[in-house]
PDB file of N, CA and C in Angstrom:
ATOM      1  N   MET A   1     -38.264 135.355 -40.223  1.00  0.00           N
ATOM      2  CA  MET A   1     -39.216 136.037 -40.853  1.00  0.00           C
ATOM      3  C   MET A   1     -40.702 136.325 -40.121  1.00  0.00           C
ATOM      4  N   SER A   2     -41.158 137.339 -40.272  1.00  0.00           N
ATOM      5  CA  SER A   2     -42.435 137.668 -39.588  1.00  0.00           C
ATOM      6  C   SER A   2     -43.480 137.924 -40.568  1.00  0.00           C
ATOM      7  N   MET A   3     -44.625 138.300 -40.282  1.00  0.00           N
ATOM      8  CA  MET A   3     -45.761 138.594 -40.719  1.00  0.00           C
ATOM      9  C   MET A   3     -45.452 139.688 -41.626  1.00  0.00           C
ATOM     10  N   HIS A   4     -45.773 140.031 -42.905  1.00  0.00           N
ATOM     11  CA  HIS A   4     -45.743 140.942 -43.409  1.00  0.00           C
ATOM     12  C   HIS A   4     -47.220 141.928 -43.461  1.00  0.00           C
ATOM     13  N   PRO A   5     -47.138 143.214 -42.962  1.00  0.00           N
ATOM     14  CA  PRO A   5     -48.540 144.040 -42.480  1.00  0.00           C
ATOM     15  C   PRO A   5     -49.086 144.082 -43.931  1.00  0.00           C
ATOM     16  N   LEU A   6     -48.638 144.211 -45.266  1.00  0.00           N
ATOM     17  CA  LEU A   6     -49.416 144.326 -46.294  1.00  0.00           C
ATOM     18  C   LEU A   6     -50.219 142.896 -46.485  1.00  0.00           C
ATOM     19  N   LEU A   7     -49.277 142.078 -46.436  1.00  0.00           N
ATOM     20  CA  LEU A   7     -49.949 140.634 -46.844  1.00  0.00           C
ATOM     21  C   LEU A   7     -50.709 139.897 -45.836  1.00  0.00           C
ATOM     22  N   LYS A   8     -50.538 140.332 -44.515  1.00  0.00           N
ATOM     23  CA  LYS A   8     -51.391 139.874 -43.307  1.00  0.00           C
ATOM     24  C   LYS A   8     -51.124 138.224 -43.473  1.00  0.00           C
ATOM     25  N   VAL A   9     -50.115 137.609 -43.738  1.00  0.00           N
ATOM     26  CA  VAL A   9     -49.564 136.494 -43.804  1.00  0.00           C
ATOM     27  C   VAL A   9     -48.133 136.494 -43.212  1.00  0.00           C
ATOM     28  N   ASP A  10     -47.858 135.110 -42.337  1.00  0.00           N
ATOM     29  CA  ASP A  10     -46.565 135.011 -41.759  1.00  0.00           C
ATOM     30  C   ASP A  10     -45.814 134.324 -43.058  1.00  0.00           C
ATOM     31  N   ILE A  11     -45.200 134.869 -43.548  1.00  0.00           N
ATOM     32  CA  ILE A  11     -44.220 134.230 -45.115  1.00  0.00           C
ATOM     33  C   ILE A  11     -43.447 133.141 -44.518  1.00  0.00           C
ATOM     34  N   SER A  12     -43.020 133.204 -43.464  1.00  0.00           N
ATOM     35  CA  SER A  12     -42.088 131.704 -43.185  1.00  0.00           C
ATOM     36  C   SER A  12     -43.045 130.587 -43.031  1.00  0.00           C
ATOM     37  N   GLN A  13     -44.235 130.539 -43.107  1.00  0.00           N
ATOM     38  CA  GLN A  13     -45.143 129.537 -42.677  1.00  0.00           C
ATOM     39  C   GLN A  13     -45.478 129.046 -44.263  1.00  0.00           C
ATOM     40  N   LEU A  14     -45.278 129.899 -45.297  1.00  0.00           N
ATOM     41  CA  LEU A  14     -45.415 129.406 -46.677  1.00  0.00           C
ATOM     42  C   LEU A  14     -44.378 128.106 -46.974  1.00  0.00           C
ATOM     43  N   SER A  15     -44.601 127.445 -47.928  1.00  0.00           N
ATOM     44  CA  SER A  15     -43.589 126.515 -48.282  1.00  0.00           C
ATOM     45  C   SER A  15     -42.636 127.383 -49.432  1.00  0.00           C
ATOM     46  N   VAL A  16     -41.451 126.773 -49.780  1.00  0.00           N
ATOM     47  CA  VAL A  16     -40.605 127.305 -50.422  1.00  0.00           C
ATOM     48  C   VAL A  16     -41.155 127.462 -51.763  1.00  0.00           C
ATOM     49  N   ALA A  17     -42.196 126.668 -52.490  1.00  0.00           N
ATOM     50  CA  ALA A  17     -42.626 126.978 -53.617  1.00  0.00           C
ATOM     51  C   ALA A  17     -43.476 127.873 -53.402  1.00  0.00           C
ATOM     52  N   GLU A  18     -44.285 128.253 -52.485  1.00  0.00           N
ATOM     53  CA  GLU A  18     -45.286 129.321 -52.358  1.00  0.00           C
ATOM     54  C   GLU A  18     -44.489 130.644 -52.335  1.00  0.00           C
ATOM     55  N   ARG A  19     -43.378 130.852 -51.752  1.00  0.00           N
ATOM     56  CA  ARG A  19     -42.486 131.845 -51.333  1.00  0.00           C
ATOM     57  C   ARG A  19     -42.003 132.291 -52.916  1.00  0.00           C
ATOM     58  N   ILE A  20     -41.468 131.194 -53.676  1.00  0.00           N
ATOM     59  CA  ILE A  20     -40.959 131.588 -54.960  1.00  0.00           C
ATOM     60  C   ILE A  20     -42.211 132.199 -55.689  1.00  0.00           C
ATOM     61  N   GLN A  21     -43.283 131.522 -55.574  1.00  0.00           N
ATOM     62  CA  GLN A  21     -44.293 131.965 -56.356  1.00  0.00           C
ATOM     63  C   GLN A  21     -44.715 133.192 -55.905  1.00  0.00           C
ATOM     64  N   LEU A  22     -44.951 133.764 -54.926  1.00  0.00           N
ATOM     65  CA  LEU A  22     -44.861 135.293 -54.161  1.00  0.00           C
ATOM     66  C   LEU A  22     -44.118 135.863 -54.724  1.00  0.00           C
ATOM     67  N   ALA A  23     -42.626 135.742 -54.889  1.00  0.00           N
ATOM     68  CA  ALA A  23     -41.841 136.625 -55.256  1.00  0.00           C
ATOM     69  C   ALA A  23     -42.079 136.830 -56.868  1.00  0.00           C
ATOM     70  N   GLN A  24     -42.348 135.476 -57.499  1.00  0.00           N
ATOM     71  CA  GLN A  24     -42.614 135.684 -59.091  1.00  0.00           C
ATOM     72  C   GLN A  24     -43.797 136.505 -59.408  1.00  0.00           C
ATOM     73  N   ASP A  25     -44.855 136.544 -58.333  1.00  0.00           N
ATOM     74  CA  ASP A  25     -46.192 137.409 -58.692  1.00  0.00           C
ATOM     75  C   ASP A  25     -45.813 138.949 -58.281  1.00  0.00           C
ATOM     76  N   LEU A  26     -45.191 139.307 -57.227  1.00  0.00           N
ATOM     77  CA  LEU A  26     -44.689 140.380 -56.946  1.00  0.00           C
ATOM     78  C   LEU A  26     -43.790 141.137 -58.235  1.00  0.00           C
ATOM     79  N   TRP A  27     -42.783 140.468 -58.610  1.00  0.00           N
ATOM     80  CA  TRP A  27     -41.982 140.881 -59.808  1.00  0.00           C
ATOM     81  C   TRP A  27     -42.857 141.184 -61.046  1.00  0.00           C
ATOM     82  N   ASP A  28     -43.907 140.322 -61.139  1.00  0.00           N
ATOM     83  CA  ASP A  28     -44.649 140.503 -62.422  1.00  0.00           C
ATOM     84  C   ASP A  28     -45.751 141.684 -62.355  1.00  0.00           C
ATOM     85  N   SER A  29     -46.078 141.966 -61.243  1.00  0.00           N
ATOM     86  CA  SER A  29     -47.073 143.077 -60.830  1.00  0.00           C
ATOM     87  C   SER A  29     -46.144 144.322 -61.050  1.00  0.00           C
ATOM     88  N   ILE A  30     -44.753 144.309 -60.914  1.00  0.00           N
ATOM     89  CA  ILE A  30     -44.051 145.415 -61.126  1.00  0.00           C
ATOM     90  C   ILE A  30     -43.905 145.621 -62.477  1.00  0.00           C
ATOM     91  N   LEU A  31     -43.795 144.679 -63.164  1.00  0.00           N
ATOM     92  CA  LEU A  31     -43.591 144.688 -64.781  1.00  0.00           C
ATOM     93  C   LEU A  31     -44.479 145.149 -65.534  1.00  0.00           C
ATOM     94  N   THR A  32     -45.852 145.118 -64.922  1.00  0.00           N
ATOM     95  CA  THR A  32     -46.986 145.760 -65.428  1.00  0.00           C
ATOM     96  C   THR A  32     -47.041 147.217 -65.855  1.00  0.00           C
ATOM     97  N   THR A  33     -46.102 148.090 -65.091  1.00  0.00           N
ATOM     98  CA  THR A  33     -45.789 149.540 -65.260  1.00  0.00           C
ATOM     99  C   THR A  33     -44.195 149.695 -65.526  1.00  0.00           C
ATOM    100  N   PRO A  34     -43.793 148.994 -66.858  1.00  0.00           N
ATOM    101  CA  PRO A  34     -42.281 149.051 -66.937  1.00  0.00           C
ATOM    102  C   PRO A  34     -41.427 150.348 -67.136  1.00  0.00           C
ATOM    103  N   ALA A  35     -42.304 151.338 -67.041  1.00  0.00           N
ATOM    104  CA  ALA A  35     -41.574 152.945 -67.193  1.00  0.00           C
ATOM    105  C   ALA A  35     -41.357 153.248 -65.854  1.00  0.00           C
ATOM    106  N   SER A  36     -41.707 152.429 -64.837  1.00  0.00           N
ATOM    107  CA  SER A  36     -41.569 152.923 -63.241  1.00  0.00           C
ATOM    108  C   SER A  36     -40.195 152.158 -62.846  1.00  0.00           C
ATOM    109  N   VAL A  37     -39.753 151.348 -63.592  1.00  0.00           N
ATOM    110  CA  VAL A  37     -38.428 150.469 -63.531  1.00  0.00           C
ATOM    111  C   VAL A  37     -37.297 151.220 -63.870  1.00  0.00           C
ATOM    112  N   ARG A  38     -36.487 152.104 -63.202  1.00  0.00           N
ATOM    113  CA  ARG A  38     -35.405 152.506 -63.634  1.00  0.00           C
ATOM    114  C   ARG A  38     -34.325 152.012 -63.609  1.00  0.00           C
ATOM    115  N   VAL A  39     -33.256 151.886 -64.162  1.00  0.00           N
ATOM    116  CA  VAL A  39     -32.135 151.435 -64.518  1.00  0.00           C
ATOM    117  C   VAL A  39     -30.876 152.453 -64.523  1.00  0.00           C
ATOM    118  N   SER A  40     -29.860 152.114 -63.867  1.00  0.00           N
ATOM    119  CA  SER A  40     -28.605 153.367 -63.900  1.00  0.00           C
ATOM    120  C   SER A  40     -27.978 153.304 -65.216  1.00  0.00           C
ATOM    121  N   GLU A  41     -26.992 154.387 -65.718  1.00  0.00           N
ATOM    122  CA  GLU A  41     -26.500 154.395 -66.596  1.00  0.00           C
ATOM    123  C   GLU A  41     -25.530 152.915 -66.757  1.00  0.00           C
ATOM    124  N   ALA A  42     -24.952 152.707 -65.650  1.00  0.00           N
ATOM    125  CA  ALA A  42     -24.086 151.334 -65.824  1.00  0.00           C
ATOM    126  C   ALA A  42     -24.825 150.139 -66.159  1.00  0.00           C
ATOM    127  N   GLN A  43     -26.196 150.168 -65.503  1.00  0.00           N
ATOM    128  CA  GLN A  43     -27.183 148.980 -65.724  1.00  0.00           C
ATOM    129  C   GLN A  43     -27.305 149.055 -67.276  1.00  0.00           C
ATOM    130  N   GLN A  44     -27.595 150.152 -67.871  1.00  0.00           N
ATOM    131  CA  GLN A  44     -27.933 150.055 -69.089  1.00  0.00           C
ATOM    132  C   GLN A  44     -26.935 149.882 -69.960  1.00  0.00           C
ATOM    133  N   GLN A  45     -25.691 150.183 -69.650  1.00  0.00           N
ATOM    134  CA  GLN A  45     -24.335 149.843 -70.730  1.00  0.00           C
ATOM    135  C   GLN A  45     -24.201 148.015 -70.259  1.00  0.00           C
ATOM    136  N   GLU A  46     -24.450 147.704 -69.219  1.00  0.00           N
ATOM    137  CA  GLU A  46     -24.424 146.000 -69.244  1.00  0.00           C
ATOM    138  C   GLU A  46     -25.407 145.426 -69.874  1.00  0.00           C
ATOM    139  N   LEU A  47     -26.663 145.984 -69.844  1.00  0.00           N
ATOM    140  CA  LEU A  47     -27.717 145.109 -70.682  1.00  0.00           C
ATOM    141  C   LEU A  47     -27.613 145.223 -72.074  1.00  0.00           C
ATOM    142  N   ASP A  48     -27.078 146.643 -72.566  1.00  0.00           N
ATOM    143  CA  ASP A  48     -26.836 146.773 -73.640  1.00  0.00           C
ATOM    144  C   ASP A  48     -25.474 145.770 -74.433  1.00  0.00           C
ATOM    145  N   ARG A  49     -24.326 145.565 -73.414  1.00  0.00           N
ATOM    146  CA  ARG A  49     -23.518 144.498 -73.724  1.00  0.00           C
ATOM    147  C   ARG A  49     -24.004 143.161 -73.763  1.00  0.00           C
ATOM    148  N   ARG A  50     -24.566 142.921 -73.137  1.00  0.00           N
ATOM    149  CA  ARG A  50     -25.355 141.285 -73.075  1.00  0.00           C
ATOM    150  C   ARG A  50     -26.096 141.158 -74.040  1.00  0.00           C
ATOM    151  N   LEU A  51     -26.952 142.219 -74.659  1.00  0.00           N
ATOM    152  CA  LEU A  51     -27.837 142.113 -75.755  1.00  0.00           C
ATOM    153  C   LEU A  51     -26.793 141.598 -76.888  1.00  0.00           C
ATOM    154  N   GLU A  52     -25.788 142.743 -77.051  1.00  0.00           N
ATOM    155  CA  GLU A  52     -25.107 142.745 -78.155  1.00  0.00           C
ATOM    156  C   GLU A  52     -24.421 141.424 -78.574  1.00  0.00           C
ATOM    157  N   GLU A  53     -23.874 140.841 -77.169  1.00  0.00           N
ATOM    158  CA  GLU A  53     -23.341 139.555 -77.011  1.00  0.00           C
ATOM    159  C   GLU A  53     -24.263 138.443 -77.416  1.00  0.00           C
ATOM    160  N   TYR A  54     -25.415 138.460 -77.134  1.00  0.00           N
ATOM    161  CA  TYR A  54     -26.447 137.593 -77.678  1.00  0.00           C
ATOM    162  C   TYR A  54     -26.581 137.631 -79.008  1.00  0.00           C
ATOM    163  N   TYR A  55     -26.728 138.786 -79.734  1.00  0.00           N
ATOM    164  CA  TYR A  55     -27.009 139.013 -81.240  1.00  0.00           C
ATOM    165  C   TYR A  55     -25.694 138.411 -82.002  1.00  0.00           C
ATOM    166  N   GLN A  56     -24.779 138.446 -81.281  1.00  0.00           N
ATOM    167  CA  GLN A  56     -23.318 137.821 -82.173  1.00  0.00           C
ATOM    168  C   GLN A  56     -23.543 136.394 -81.876  1.00  0.00           C
ATOM    169  N   ASN A  57     -24.002 135.492 -80.780  1.00  0.00           N
ATOM    170  CA  ASN A  57     -23.878 134.162 -80.600  1.00  0.00           C
ATOM    171  C   ASN A  57     -25.228 133.770 -79.875  1.00  0.00           C
ATOM    172  N   PRO A  58     -26.342 133.979 -80.416  1.00  0.00           N
ATOM    173  CA  PRO A  58     -27.673 133.547 -79.656  1.00  0.00           C
ATOM    174  C   PRO A  58     -27.583 132.105 -79.171  1.00  0.00           C
ATOM    175  N   MET A  59     -26.730 131.103 -79.650  1.00  0.00           N
ATOM    176  CA  MET A  59     -26.766 129.721 -79.435  1.00  0.00           C
ATOM    177  C   MET A  59     -26.059 129.519 -78.115  1.00  0.00           C
ATOM    178  N   GLN A  60     -25.453 130.562 -77.570  1.00  0.00           N
ATOM    179  CA  GLN A  60     -24.178 130.369 -76.654  1.00  0.00           C
ATOM    180  C   GLN A  60     -25.000 130.122 -75.136  1.00  0.00           C
ATOM    181  N   GLY A  61     -25.974 130.808 -74.869  1.00  0.00           N
ATOM    182  CA  GLY A  61     -26.418 130.654 -73.696  1.00  0.00           C
ATOM    183  C   GLY A  61     -27.602 129.550 -73.422  1.00  0.00           C
ATOM    184  N   SER A  62     -28.016 129.642 -72.287  1.00  0.00           N
ATOM    185  CA  SER A  62     -28.785 128.451 -71.684  1.00  0.00           C
ATOM    186  C   SER A  62     -30.376 128.862 -71.963  1.00  0.00           C
ATOM    187  N   SER A  63     -31.359 127.888 -72.336  1.00  0.00           N
ATOM    188  CA  SER A  63     -32.692 128.301 -72.201  1.00  0.00           C
ATOM    189  C   SER A  63     -33.343 128.328 -70.720  1.00  0.00           C
ATOM    190  N   TRP A  64     -34.386 128.981 -70.774  1.00  0.00           N
ATOM    191  CA  TRP A  64     -34.948 129.137 -69.246  1.00  0.00           C
ATOM    192  C   TRP A  64     -35.196 127.556 -68.748  1.00  0.00           C
ATOM    193  N   GLU A  65     -35.757 126.784 -69.412  1.00  0.00           N
ATOM    194  CA  GLU A  65     -36.078 125.295 -69.099  1.00  0.00           C
ATOM    195  C   GLU A  65     -34.555 124.661 -68.767  1.00  0.00           C
ATOM    196  N   GLN A  66     -33.556 125.041 -69.177  1.00  0.00           N
ATOM    197  CA  GLN A  66     -32.153 124.511 -68.828  1.00  0.00           C
ATOM    198  C   GLN A  66     -31.815 124.941 -67.538  1.00  0.00           C
ATOM    199  N   MET A  67     -32.088 126.248 -67.363  1.00  0.00           N
ATOM    200  CA  MET A  67     -31.660 126.673 -66.433  1.00  0.00           C
ATOM    201  C   MET A  67     -32.712 126.202 -64.882  1.00  0.00           C
ATOM    202  N   LYS A  68     -33.657 126.285 -65.306  1.00  0.00           N
ATOM    203  CA  LYS A  68     -34.883 125.417 -63.905  1.00  0.00           C
ATOM    204  C   LYS A  68     -34.304 124.184 -63.750  1.00  0.00           C
ATOM    205  N   GLN A  69     -33.959 123.277 -64.755  1.00  0.00           N
ATOM    206  CA  GLN A  69     -33.436 121.988 -64.442  1.00  0.00           C
ATOM    207  C   GLN A  69     -32.231 122.186 -63.518  1.00  0.00           C
ATOM    208  N   ARG A  70     -30.818 123.002 -64.321  1.00  0.00           N
ATOM    209  CA  ARG A  70     -29.871 123.144 -63.519  1.00  0.00           C
ATOM    210  C   ARG A  70     -30.104 123.534 -62.090  1.00  0.00           C
ATOM    211  N   LEU A  71     -31.167 124.350 -61.890  1.00  0.00           N
ATOM    212  CA  LEU A  71     -31.212 124.857 -60.278  1.00  0.00           C
ATOM    213  C   LEU A  71     -32.077 123.934 -59.594  1.00  0.00           C
ATOM    214  N   GLY A  72     -32.532 122.729 -60.253  1.00  0.00           N
ATOM    215  CA  GLY A  72     -33.399 121.730 -59.548  1.00  0.00           C
ATOM    216  C   GLY A  72     -34.880 122.283 -59.040  1.00  0.00           C
ATOM    217  N   PHE A  73     -35.533 122.856 -60.389  1.00  0.00           N
ATOM    218  CA  PHE A  73     -36.921 123.608 -59.958  1.00  0.00           C
ATOM    219  C   PHE A  73     -37.602 122.674 -61.472  1.00  0.00           C
TER     220      PHE A  73
END
């Protein structure tokens, strides 16, 4: 990796935790304008399918905390 011109920092010099936080912060900044995030018809259909699956069995999935533990965070 090299220095990102917008950030003026060598990303590879950041710790893994700092890079994850940077990615989260970047994603959060995109979500402040949800209308600008477009999904394809296929993506929308998949989201609808997953939401319907959740409505039919809300206890089947894992919580965010369980996923973080499973991934070692």
